[in-house]
Amino acid sequence: MTSATSIPLVMTAAGPVPTSPSALQQALINGVAATNPDYTVLPGSLIEDISSTDVGALVTMDQARIESVNNVTPFGANAFVLAQLGIQFGIPQGTPANGSVDVVISDLTLSSNGYVISPGFTVSDGTNQYVIQDGGIVQSNGQTEPMFAVAVSSGTFAIPANSVNQLITSVPSSYPLSVNNPIAGTAATAAESVQSYRSRVLQAGQVASTGTPAYLKTLLQAITGVQPQLVSINQVSGGWQVICGGGDPFAVANAILQGVPDISTLQGSQLSITNMSETNPVVITTNLNHGYIAGQTVTVTGATPSAYNITYTIASVTATTITTTTNGSAFGAYVSGATLSPNPRNVSVSVFQNPNTYNITFVNPPQQIVTMAVEWNTTLPNFTAGASVDQLAAPALQSYINSIYTGQPLNLLEATATFQNAVSSVIAANNITTLLFTVTINGVTASPTAGTSIIPSDPESYFFCSSTGVTVSQG
């Protein structure tokens, strides 16, 4: 047929749908009429016979076209195409049905800390080989977390504890790694169904399309010891800043290596110098709480004038100033550009992913100690449950403060709602006539930003309130 008889593919939200036989017949007749307008001189029965046969062929072709479209999606792909999609995502068919075992790779000498075990790393029990699925990293204690490994071959066989002790994937001789399975593995089951495989391919496609910040947060929050409220992925000048509190630093670095497409864009703490005094001694002022203590040394680089670019000994400090022991009266007026090192907020980790070594920097959020004194009152006559109010409100407010995410402010409106909800069993909110909050951060009284009810946080730090940090009194 020519282009005059082209039949458009009808797509709906559910995918392509068949074209009705009547529509196909009409398209056929229109095409014949366009090229052979005198076809009507033929006997009617002959026209009907030919058109019926052709329409039957068109129905078959239209259905084949629909199946071809469906076969390029994981939802409707046939077994062969589904297997090809699985290979593209790195999801081989059959792994959930093969034998599996949790293995730990370790180095008792602690010389392999930071060694990355990539997905696909292969180990063996001497007879059967097992492929590690998700990978891991040798952490500060000299070993990885247990890693899930799947047998390469099908078949039912026992996997006793402490039997998987051979490395198949080559490792540089400078890394004395060993492998073991502390607990017995799981023997193989029946072959994986197409439905099971299809669901895994769909999940793999979803993970591959997830935005980097959300995906990286998921990886970080899965690490043992990482507190979700202490994870923050920030877009800063020059790239991305990863803040992560808790967890083994090598595990954190490995998650960043896996989750960030370009580690050259990683930026550390935004702690910077805002001024250096042309005095004796030099006083350094920072934009954030610096965390240094007297007796430490710090090195300044990048400053203009360059006379400031030396190493200083710290004589004394306040939250955002550093008084040094250096006479800077002849250095000239400070302009800009200075940076401090070492930056106490940064964690820098080297990870080895054979054959390459990568340096990963992230921010370990400093703690801001918060205290809160709450004064409340009521005009209810003869109210006798004051002690209950104090006992109910204090732990609720402490919990609220400790739940605030890194860099986020303390909201006094939220604190008010927390107080009211906590004491609702003994006094209704409309009967609370006085509610005043006095907040300190690191021992300094903190007030809300003008025109708001929020007390800002250091953008790289988190609030912490101890069990005795909130006091509540009626007055």
Protein backbone atom coordinates (compact mmCIF):
# COMPACT_ATOMS: atom_id res chain seq x y z
CA MET A 1 0.00 0.00 0.00
CA THR A 2 1.02 3.62 -0.50
CA SER A 3 1.11 6.41 2.06
CA ALA A 4 -2.50 7.19 1.15
CA THR A 5 -3.55 4.08 3.07
CA SER A 6 -1.35 4.61 6.17
CA ILE A 7 -3.25 3.76 9.33
CA PRO A 8 -2.30 5.80 12.41
CA LEU A 9 -1.41 3.98 15.61
CA VAL A 10 -3.98 4.82 18.28
CA MET A 11 -2.28 5.41 21.67
CA THR A 12 -4.12 5.73 24.97
CA ALA A 13 -2.96 6.01 28.57
CA ALA A 14 -2.99 2.21 28.66
CA GLY A 15 -0.83 1.95 25.51
CA PRO A 16 -1.59 1.18 21.85
CA VAL A 17 -5.06 -0.15 21.02
CA PRO A 18 -6.23 -2.16 17.98
CA THR A 19 -7.87 -0.40 15.07
CA SER A 20 -11.41 -1.71 14.48
CA PRO A 21 -11.99 -3.97 11.40
CA SER A 22 -14.53 -1.46 10.03
CA ALA A 23 -11.94 1.33 10.18
CA LEU A 24 -9.38 -0.90 8.49
CA GLN A 25 -11.86 -1.77 5.73
CA GLN A 26 -12.69 1.87 5.12
CA ALA A 27 -8.98 2.75 4.97
CA LEU A 28 -8.49 -0.08 2.47
CA ILE A 29 -11.33 1.11 0.23
CA ASN A 30 -10.11 4.72 0.43
CA GLY A 31 -6.67 3.60 -0.66
CA VAL A 32 -7.94 1.56 -3.58
CA ALA A 33 -10.21 4.38 -4.70
CA ALA A 34 -7.29 6.81 -4.62
CA THR A 35 -5.16 4.68 -6.94
CA ASN A 36 -7.81 2.76 -8.94
CA PRO A 37 -10.99 4.84 -9.08
CA ASP A 38 -12.65 2.48 -11.61
CA TYR A 39 -12.48 -0.56 -9.29
CA THR A 40 -16.29 -0.37 -8.92
CA VAL A 41 -16.77 -1.95 -12.36
CA LEU A 42 -15.72 -5.24 -10.80
CA PRO A 43 -18.43 -7.63 -9.56
CA GLY A 44 -19.60 -6.77 -6.05
CA SER A 45 -19.05 -10.31 -4.79
CA LEU A 46 -15.42 -10.19 -5.98
CA ILE A 47 -14.85 -6.84 -4.29
CA GLU A 48 -16.33 -8.21 -1.05
CA ASP A 49 -14.22 -11.37 -1.21
CA ILE A 50 -10.96 -9.48 -1.83
CA SER A 51 -11.67 -6.80 0.78
CA SER A 52 -12.60 -9.38 3.45
CA THR A 53 -9.36 -11.25 2.88
CA ASP A 54 -7.32 -8.05 2.94
CA VAL A 55 -9.03 -6.77 6.09
CA GLY A 56 -8.20 -10.04 7.82
CA ALA A 57 -4.55 -9.53 6.89
CA LEU A 58 -4.65 -5.91 8.07
CA VAL A 59 -6.07 -6.99 11.45
CA THR A 60 -3.16 -9.41 11.87
CA MET A 61 -0.64 -6.74 10.86
CA ASP A 62 -2.19 -4.17 13.18
CA GLN A 63 -2.01 -6.57 16.12
CA ALA A 64 1.64 -7.34 15.31
CA ARG A 65 2.36 -3.63 15.31
CA ILE A 66 0.76 -3.27 18.76
CA GLU A 67 2.75 -6.19 20.13
CA SER A 68 5.97 -4.70 18.74
CA VAL A 69 5.32 -1.47 20.62
CA ASN A 70 4.41 -3.31 23.83
CA ASN A 71 7.55 -5.43 23.62
CA VAL A 72 9.83 -2.42 24.13
CA THR A 73 8.38 -1.73 27.60
CA PRO A 74 8.97 -3.89 30.70
CA PHE A 75 5.18 -4.00 31.24
CA GLY A 76 4.44 -6.03 28.09
CA ALA A 77 7.78 -7.32 26.87
CA ASN A 78 7.99 -10.94 25.79
CA ALA A 79 10.49 -13.23 27.51
CA PHE A 80 13.34 -12.46 25.09
CA VAL A 81 12.92 -8.66 25.11
CA LEU A 82 12.43 -8.69 28.91
CA ALA A 83 15.73 -10.54 29.28
CA GLN A 84 17.47 -7.93 27.10
CA LEU A 85 16.04 -5.10 29.22
CA GLY A 86 17.22 -6.93 32.33
CA ILE A 87 20.75 -7.17 30.94
CA GLN A 88 20.66 -3.44 30.21
CA PHE A 89 19.78 -2.73 33.86
CA GLY A 90 22.25 -5.32 35.17
CA ILE A 91 19.45 -7.61 36.45
CA PRO A 92 20.07 -11.22 35.36
CA GLN A 93 17.06 -13.53 35.36
CA GLY A 94 16.86 -16.31 37.90
CA THR A 95 18.88 -14.81 40.78
CA PRO A 96 16.00 -14.83 43.32
CA ALA A 97 15.61 -18.57 42.72
CA ASN A 98 19.31 -19.52 42.89
CA GLY A 99 21.07 -20.27 46.16
CA SER A 100 22.16 -17.23 48.15
CA VAL A 101 24.40 -16.38 51.09
CA ASP A 102 25.47 -13.34 53.12
CA VAL A 103 29.23 -12.88 53.01
CA VAL A 104 31.63 -10.61 54.89
CA ILE A 105 34.93 -9.49 53.39
CA SER A 106 37.53 -8.48 55.95
CA ASP A 107 41.14 -7.55 56.59
CA LEU A 108 42.33 -8.11 60.15
CA THR A 109 45.35 -5.89 59.54
CA LEU A 110 43.03 -2.89 58.97
CA SER A 111 45.14 -1.92 55.94
CA SER A 112 42.24 -2.25 53.47
CA ASN A 113 39.86 0.27 55.02
CA GLY A 114 38.07 2.09 52.21
CA TYR A 115 38.36 -0.77 49.70
CA VAL A 116 35.18 -0.82 47.61
CA ILE A 117 33.54 -4.16 46.88
CA SER A 118 31.65 -3.49 43.66
CA PRO A 119 28.48 -5.31 42.59
CA GLY A 120 29.57 -8.37 40.61
CA PHE A 121 32.49 -9.21 42.93
CA THR A 122 32.69 -13.02 42.90
CA VAL A 123 33.51 -15.43 45.74
CA SER A 124 33.41 -19.20 46.03
CA ASP A 125 33.12 -22.16 48.38
CA GLY A 126 35.47 -24.20 46.22
CA THR A 127 32.65 -25.75 44.21
CA ASN A 128 30.11 -23.04 43.49
CA GLN A 129 30.64 -19.37 42.78
CA TYR A 130 28.54 -16.54 44.20
CA VAL A 131 28.16 -13.00 42.85
CA ILE A 132 27.76 -10.10 45.30
CA GLN A 133 24.68 -8.12 44.30
CA ASP A 134 24.82 -4.70 45.95
CA GLY A 135 28.47 -4.31 46.89
CA GLY A 136 29.90 -2.63 49.98
CA ILE A 137 33.08 -1.20 51.44
CA VAL A 138 35.65 -2.27 54.03
CA GLN A 139 34.83 -0.02 56.97
CA SER A 140 36.83 1.32 59.89
CA ASN A 141 36.60 -2.00 61.77
CA GLY A 142 38.35 -3.83 58.91
CA GLN A 143 35.31 -5.56 57.47
CA THR A 144 32.25 -4.98 55.34
CA GLU A 145 28.66 -5.22 56.39
CA PRO A 146 27.14 -8.59 55.36
CA MET A 147 26.66 -8.52 51.58
CA PHE A 148 24.06 -10.55 49.69
CA ALA A 149 25.59 -12.94 47.15
CA VAL A 150 23.76 -15.22 44.70
CA ALA A 151 24.98 -18.49 43.23
CA VAL A 152 25.98 -18.33 39.58
CA SER A 153 24.62 -21.79 38.83
CA SER A 154 21.14 -23.13 39.51
CA GLY A 155 20.46 -26.35 41.37
CA THR A 156 19.81 -27.24 44.96
CA PHE A 157 22.87 -27.55 47.22
CA ALA A 158 23.67 -26.73 50.84
CA ILE A 159 25.72 -23.65 51.72
CA PRO A 160 27.07 -24.32 55.24
CA ALA A 161 28.31 -21.55 57.49
CA ASN A 162 32.01 -20.65 57.07
CA SER A 163 32.21 -22.48 53.73
CA VAL A 164 32.46 -19.50 51.36
CA ASN A 165 36.10 -18.55 51.88
CA GLN A 166 37.66 -18.00 48.45
CA LEU A 167 38.00 -14.78 46.47
CA ILE A 168 37.50 -15.25 42.74
CA THR A 169 37.64 -11.59 41.71
CA SER A 170 41.26 -10.52 41.72
CA VAL A 171 42.45 -8.10 44.42
CA PRO A 172 45.75 -6.17 44.44
CA SER A 173 48.34 -7.89 46.60
CA SER A 174 48.60 -4.84 48.84
CA TYR A 175 45.08 -5.55 50.12
CA PRO A 176 45.08 -8.77 52.21
CA LEU A 177 41.35 -9.44 52.00
CA SER A 178 39.54 -12.60 52.99
CA VAL A 179 35.91 -13.71 52.79
CA ASN A 180 33.62 -15.78 54.96
CA ASN A 181 29.92 -16.46 55.48
CA PRO A 182 29.19 -16.36 59.25
CA ILE A 183 25.78 -18.00 58.77
CA ALA A 184 24.55 -20.73 56.42
CA GLY A 185 23.17 -19.71 53.06
CA THR A 186 19.77 -20.43 51.54
CA ALA A 187 19.45 -23.27 49.06
CA ALA A 188 17.94 -22.73 45.61
CA THR A 189 14.20 -22.87 44.97
CA ALA A 190 12.14 -23.24 41.80
CA ALA A 191 13.00 -21.24 38.67
CA GLU A 192 12.08 -17.55 38.77
CA SER A 193 8.73 -16.76 37.19
CA VAL A 194 8.38 -14.22 34.40
CA GLN A 195 6.17 -12.13 36.70
CA SER A 196 8.87 -12.01 39.38
CA TYR A 197 11.54 -11.06 36.85
CA ARG A 198 9.33 -8.41 35.28
CA SER A 199 8.78 -6.75 38.67
CA ARG A 200 12.54 -6.65 39.36
CA VAL A 201 13.26 -5.10 35.95
CA LEU A 202 10.59 -2.46 36.59
CA GLN A 203 12.12 -1.69 39.98
CA ALA A 204 15.60 -1.41 38.45
CA GLY A 205 14.30 1.05 35.88
CA GLN A 206 12.68 3.12 38.60
CA VAL A 207 15.90 3.30 40.62
CA ALA A 208 17.90 4.27 37.53
CA SER A 209 15.57 7.18 36.84
CA THR A 210 15.44 8.52 40.40
CA GLY A 211 16.85 12.02 40.90
CA THR A 212 20.34 12.10 42.38
CA PRO A 213 19.56 13.86 45.70
CA ALA A 214 16.66 11.53 46.54
CA TYR A 215 18.62 8.45 45.49
CA LEU A 216 21.70 9.50 47.47
CA LYS A 217 19.59 10.20 50.57
CA THR A 218 18.16 6.69 50.29
CA LEU A 219 21.66 5.18 50.13
CA LEU A 220 22.91 7.24 53.07
CA GLN A 221 19.90 6.59 55.30
CA ALA A 222 20.31 2.84 54.75
CA ILE A 223 23.73 2.91 56.47
CA THR A 224 23.82 1.61 60.02
CA GLY A 225 24.14 4.49 62.48
CA VAL A 226 23.12 7.29 60.11
CA GLN A 227 20.31 9.41 61.52
CA PRO A 228 17.82 10.47 58.81
CA GLN A 229 17.42 14.01 60.18
CA LEU A 230 21.19 14.50 59.89
CA VAL A 231 21.26 13.87 56.13
CA SER A 232 21.08 16.85 53.81
CA ILE A 233 22.01 17.26 50.13
CA ASN A 234 22.53 20.93 49.29
CA GLN A 235 23.22 22.75 46.07
CA VAL A 236 26.03 25.22 46.80
CA SER A 237 28.36 27.37 44.77
CA GLY A 238 30.50 25.07 42.63
CA GLY A 239 28.45 21.91 43.00
CA TRP A 240 26.84 19.74 45.67
CA GLN A 241 27.37 19.52 49.42
CA VAL A 242 26.61 16.27 51.23
CA ILE A 243 25.96 16.49 54.98
CA CYS A 244 25.72 13.20 56.85
CA GLY A 245 25.78 12.56 60.60
CA GLY A 246 26.48 9.10 62.00
CA GLY A 247 27.54 5.89 60.30
CA ASP A 248 30.95 4.58 59.38
CA PRO A 249 32.80 7.21 57.28
CA PHE A 250 33.88 4.62 54.70
CA ALA A 251 30.28 3.43 54.29
CA VAL A 252 29.15 7.04 53.87
CA ALA A 253 31.89 7.71 51.31
CA ASN A 254 30.96 4.57 49.37
CA ALA A 255 27.31 5.62 49.22
CA ILE A 256 28.38 9.02 47.88
CA LEU A 257 30.63 7.34 45.30
CA GLN A 258 27.71 5.20 44.13
CA GLY A 259 25.09 7.95 44.21
CA VAL A 260 26.87 11.01 42.80
CA PRO A 261 27.45 10.92 39.05
CA ASP A 262 30.39 13.35 39.18
CA ILE A 263 32.34 13.41 42.45
CA SER A 264 34.40 16.36 41.20
CA THR A 265 31.36 18.54 41.97
CA LEU A 266 31.42 17.65 45.68
CA GLN A 267 31.93 20.65 47.94
CA GLY A 268 32.81 20.53 51.62
CA SER A 269 31.78 22.83 54.45
CA GLN A 270 31.03 26.43 53.57
CA LEU A 271 32.89 27.63 56.68
CA SER A 272 34.88 30.64 55.48
CA ILE A 273 36.84 33.67 56.63
CA THR A 274 34.99 36.98 56.55
CA ASN A 275 37.79 39.13 57.95
CA MET A 276 41.40 39.08 59.20
CA SER A 277 42.55 41.99 61.33
CA GLU A 278 45.68 43.99 60.56
CA THR A 279 46.63 43.95 64.25
CA ASN A 280 48.88 42.36 66.81
CA PRO A 281 47.71 39.68 67.17
CA VAL A 282 45.77 38.75 64.03
CA VAL A 283 42.10 38.01 64.76
CA ILE A 284 40.30 35.80 62.24
CA THR A 285 36.52 36.12 61.90
CA THR A 286 34.44 33.31 60.38
CA ASN A 287 30.93 33.18 58.93
CA LEU A 288 29.95 30.09 60.96
CA ASN A 289 30.90 28.64 64.32
CA HIS A 290 34.39 27.32 63.56
CA GLY A 291 34.83 24.67 66.25
CA TYR A 292 38.56 25.27 66.84
CA ILE A 293 40.08 25.36 70.31
CA ALA A 294 43.04 27.16 71.85
CA GLY A 295 46.36 25.48 71.14
CA GLN A 296 45.42 24.18 67.70
CA THR A 297 47.11 25.39 64.53
CA VAL A 298 45.29 26.51 61.37
CA THR A 299 46.61 27.33 57.93
CA VAL A 300 45.26 30.17 55.83
CA THR A 301 45.54 30.07 52.03
CA GLY A 302 44.19 32.18 49.19
CA ALA A 303 44.14 35.46 51.13
CA THR A 304 44.76 38.89 49.71
CA PRO A 305 47.21 40.30 50.77
CA SER A 306 49.28 37.11 50.61
CA ALA A 307 51.09 37.97 53.88
CA TYR A 308 48.14 36.39 55.68
CA ASN A 309 48.81 33.01 54.03
CA ILE A 310 50.67 31.31 56.87
CA THR A 311 50.03 28.83 59.68
CA TYR A 312 48.71 30.31 62.92
CA THR A 313 48.64 29.06 66.50
CA ILE A 314 45.33 29.71 68.23
CA ALA A 315 45.56 31.64 71.50
CA SER A 316 41.85 31.95 72.26
CA VAL A 317 38.49 31.69 70.55
CA THR A 318 34.87 32.75 70.58
CA ALA A 319 32.21 31.05 68.47
CA THR A 320 33.15 32.94 65.31
CA THR A 321 36.55 34.52 66.07
CA ILE A 322 40.06 33.11 66.37
CA THR A 323 42.69 35.12 68.19
CA THR A 324 46.14 34.03 67.05
CA THR A 325 49.65 34.51 68.42
CA THR A 326 50.88 36.22 65.22
CA ASN A 327 51.63 39.90 64.80
CA GLY A 328 49.85 41.03 61.62
CA SER A 329 50.19 44.77 61.98
CA ALA A 330 52.35 44.93 58.83
CA PHE A 331 50.26 42.54 56.72
CA GLY A 332 48.04 45.21 55.15
CA ALA A 333 44.26 45.50 55.12
CA TYR A 334 42.56 42.17 54.44
CA VAL A 335 40.60 42.03 51.17
CA SER A 336 39.15 38.56 50.57
CA GLY A 337 39.74 34.99 49.42
CA ALA A 338 41.07 33.31 52.56
CA THR A 339 40.21 29.73 53.46
CA LEU A 340 41.02 27.74 56.59
CA SER A 341 42.49 24.28 56.85
CA PRO A 342 41.96 21.83 58.25
CA ASN A 343 38.23 22.45 58.15
CA PRO A 344 36.91 20.69 61.30
CA ARG A 345 33.54 20.08 59.67
CA ASN A 346 34.87 18.14 56.70
CA VAL A 347 35.42 14.40 56.57
CA SER A 348 37.74 13.30 53.77
CA VAL A 349 37.93 9.60 52.94
CA SER A 350 39.93 7.73 50.30
CA VAL A 351 38.14 4.74 48.81
CA PHE A 352 39.75 2.21 46.52
CA GLN A 353 37.60 0.84 43.72
CA ASN A 354 39.97 -1.39 41.84
CA PRO A 355 42.00 -0.07 40.04
CA ASN A 356 41.20 3.53 41.05
CA THR A 357 41.36 5.55 44.26
CA TYR A 358 38.81 8.29 44.88
CA ASN A 359 38.86 11.03 47.50
CA ILE A 360 35.41 11.75 48.89
CA THR A 361 34.63 14.78 51.07
CA PHE A 362 31.43 15.27 53.05
CA VAL A 363 30.34 17.35 56.02
CA ASN A 364 29.86 15.89 59.48
CA PRO A 365 27.27 18.25 61.01
CA PRO A 366 28.32 19.91 64.29
CA GLN A 367 25.96 19.76 67.25
CA GLN A 368 24.25 22.88 68.59
CA ILE A 369 23.27 22.44 72.24
CA VAL A 370 19.80 23.84 72.86
CA THR A 371 18.09 24.63 76.14
CA MET A 372 14.52 25.85 76.42
CA ALA A 373 12.83 27.43 79.40
CA VAL A 374 9.05 27.55 79.13
CA GLU A 375 6.84 29.71 81.30
CA TRP A 376 3.09 29.13 81.07
CA ASN A 377 -0.03 30.09 83.00
CA THR A 378 -3.81 29.90 83.00
CA THR A 379 -6.64 32.01 84.36
CA LEU A 380 -8.62 28.95 85.38
CA PRO A 381 -9.48 29.24 89.09
CA ASN A 382 -8.29 26.46 91.35
CA PHE A 383 -6.29 24.68 88.59
CA THR A 384 -4.26 22.00 90.37
CA ALA A 385 -2.64 20.01 87.54
CA GLY A 386 0.35 22.31 87.06
CA ALA A 387 2.85 19.58 87.84
CA SER A 388 1.27 17.34 85.18
CA VAL A 389 1.61 20.10 82.60
CA ASP A 390 5.32 20.39 83.39
CA GLN A 391 5.84 16.62 83.16
CA LEU A 392 3.95 16.25 79.87
CA ALA A 393 5.35 19.25 78.02
CA ALA A 394 9.10 18.88 78.69
CA PRO A 395 9.72 15.53 76.90
CA ALA A 396 7.47 16.52 73.99
CA LEU A 397 9.41 19.74 73.40
CA GLN A 398 12.74 17.92 73.73
CA SER A 399 11.58 15.42 71.10
CA TYR A 400 10.53 18.24 68.77
CA ILE A 401 13.91 19.98 69.05
CA ASN A 402 15.82 16.76 68.39
CA SER A 403 13.67 15.96 65.35
CA ILE A 404 14.60 19.15 63.49
CA TYR A 405 16.59 18.38 60.35
CA THR A 406 20.12 19.66 59.81
CA GLY A 407 20.19 23.34 58.91
CA GLN A 408 16.48 23.88 59.58
CA PRO A 409 15.22 26.50 62.06
CA LEU A 410 13.51 26.07 65.40
CA ASN A 411 9.93 27.29 64.93
CA LEU A 412 8.29 28.70 68.06
CA LEU A 413 4.86 28.28 66.46
CA GLU A 414 5.61 24.58 66.13
CA ALA A 415 6.86 24.56 69.72
CA THR A 416 3.57 26.17 70.81
CA ALA A 417 1.55 23.50 69.00
CA THR A 418 3.75 20.78 70.50
CA PHE A 419 3.16 22.17 74.00
CA GLN A 420 -0.60 22.44 73.50
CA ASN A 421 -0.92 18.91 72.11
CA ALA A 422 1.21 17.43 74.88
CA VAL A 423 -0.89 18.92 77.70
CA SER A 424 -4.30 18.62 76.06
CA SER A 425 -5.30 15.81 78.40
CA VAL A 426 -5.10 18.13 81.43
CA ILE A 427 -5.76 21.61 80.02
CA ALA A 428 -7.34 22.83 76.79
CA ALA A 429 -5.34 25.14 74.53
CA ASN A 430 -7.86 27.97 74.90
CA ASN A 431 -7.28 27.95 78.67
CA ILE A 432 -3.53 28.57 78.33
CA THR A 433 -3.20 32.31 78.67
CA THR A 434 0.58 32.67 78.90
CA LEU A 435 3.22 30.76 76.96
CA LEU A 436 6.76 32.15 76.77
CA PHE A 437 9.89 30.45 75.41
CA THR A 438 13.48 31.35 76.26
CA VAL A 439 15.95 29.51 74.04
CA THR A 440 19.73 29.29 74.22
CA ILE A 441 22.01 27.80 71.56
CA ASN A 442 25.49 26.82 72.73
CA GLY A 443 24.93 28.90 75.86
CA VAL A 444 23.90 32.08 74.01
CA THR A 445 20.33 33.37 74.16
CA ALA A 446 18.73 33.08 70.72
CA SER A 447 15.83 35.20 69.51
CA PRO A 448 13.57 34.72 66.48
CA THR A 449 14.41 36.53 63.26
CA ALA A 450 12.65 39.89 63.19
CA GLY A 451 9.06 39.61 62.04
CA THR A 452 9.02 35.80 62.36
CA SER A 453 8.72 33.06 64.95
CA ILE A 454 11.73 31.07 63.76
CA ILE A 455 15.16 30.83 65.33
CA PRO A 456 17.63 30.08 62.53
CA SER A 457 20.16 27.29 62.67
CA ASP A 458 23.72 27.07 61.46
CA PRO A 459 23.11 25.75 57.90
CA GLU A 460 25.43 22.78 58.44
CA SER A 461 24.56 21.96 62.06
CA TYR A 462 21.76 20.30 63.98
CA PHE A 463 20.02 21.07 67.25
CA PHE A 464 20.39 18.77 70.26
CA CYS A 465 18.52 19.01 73.53
CA SER A 466 19.30 16.71 76.46
CA SER A 467 16.69 15.07 78.66
CA THR A 468 17.13 17.93 81.14
CA GLY A 469 17.40 20.65 78.53
CA VAL A 470 13.75 21.72 78.69
CA THR A 471 12.35 23.24 81.88
CA VAL A 472 8.67 24.05 82.22
CA SER A 473 7.20 26.15 84.99
CA GLN A 474 3.94 27.86 85.79
CA GLY A 475 4.31 31.53 86.52
